[in-house]
Amino acid sequence: MALDQSFVGRSYPPTAAYEVGREKIREFAEAVGDTNPAYVDADAAKALGHRDVIAPPTFAFSITFKAAGQVVQDPELGLDYSRVVHGDQKFAYTRPVMAGDRLSVTSTIEAIKSLAGNDIIDIRGEVHDESGEHVVTAWTKLVARAAEDDPRSGDGNGSGNASANSSANAEGAA
């Protein structure tokens, strides 16, 4: 079932503050293989003009994706999360995320569309610090794959796999 277009523009309440810790930044930088000293060494970060260590640019995903949970868990939206895959991610920064930041996220549904039986939802997460200053905007694209028995899936018989079924039908007719 296609998602309801009337949800486009809907915003969800800001999340509780997430306190960014040095150890979380270090762990994230290590996990993504980024050895920039400003991510682990306060003196290196201060030499670049920051008050403390900064987070790698994609660190914001860990905060905004959790906040997008308000959207995907909204029972009125009707999104089947068991069929969701992550489609895309982009960020626009006002300043880097830093250790000691207390950040909250407001999620807004920017677009909903259907393509080949798949529902695609674009969610914008506005991240602000505790003083209300903008830090980063993150855009997340989620794709809810069509159910195998969904006639919108593209092959007319609901399997979602036109080429495999065409082959099977051809063999059955031979």
Foldseek 3Di string as FASTA:
>chain_A
DFWDFVQAFDKDDKDFWDAAALVLQVVVCVVVVHPPVLSRPQVSVVVVPDNGRFHPPCPCCVQVVVVCVVVCVPVNRPADVVQKDWDDKDKDFPATHGHGWTKIWMKGWNGWDDDLQKIKTKIWIFIATPVRHTGMIMITIMIRQHDQQDCSNHQNRSRNDNVVVVVVVVVVVD
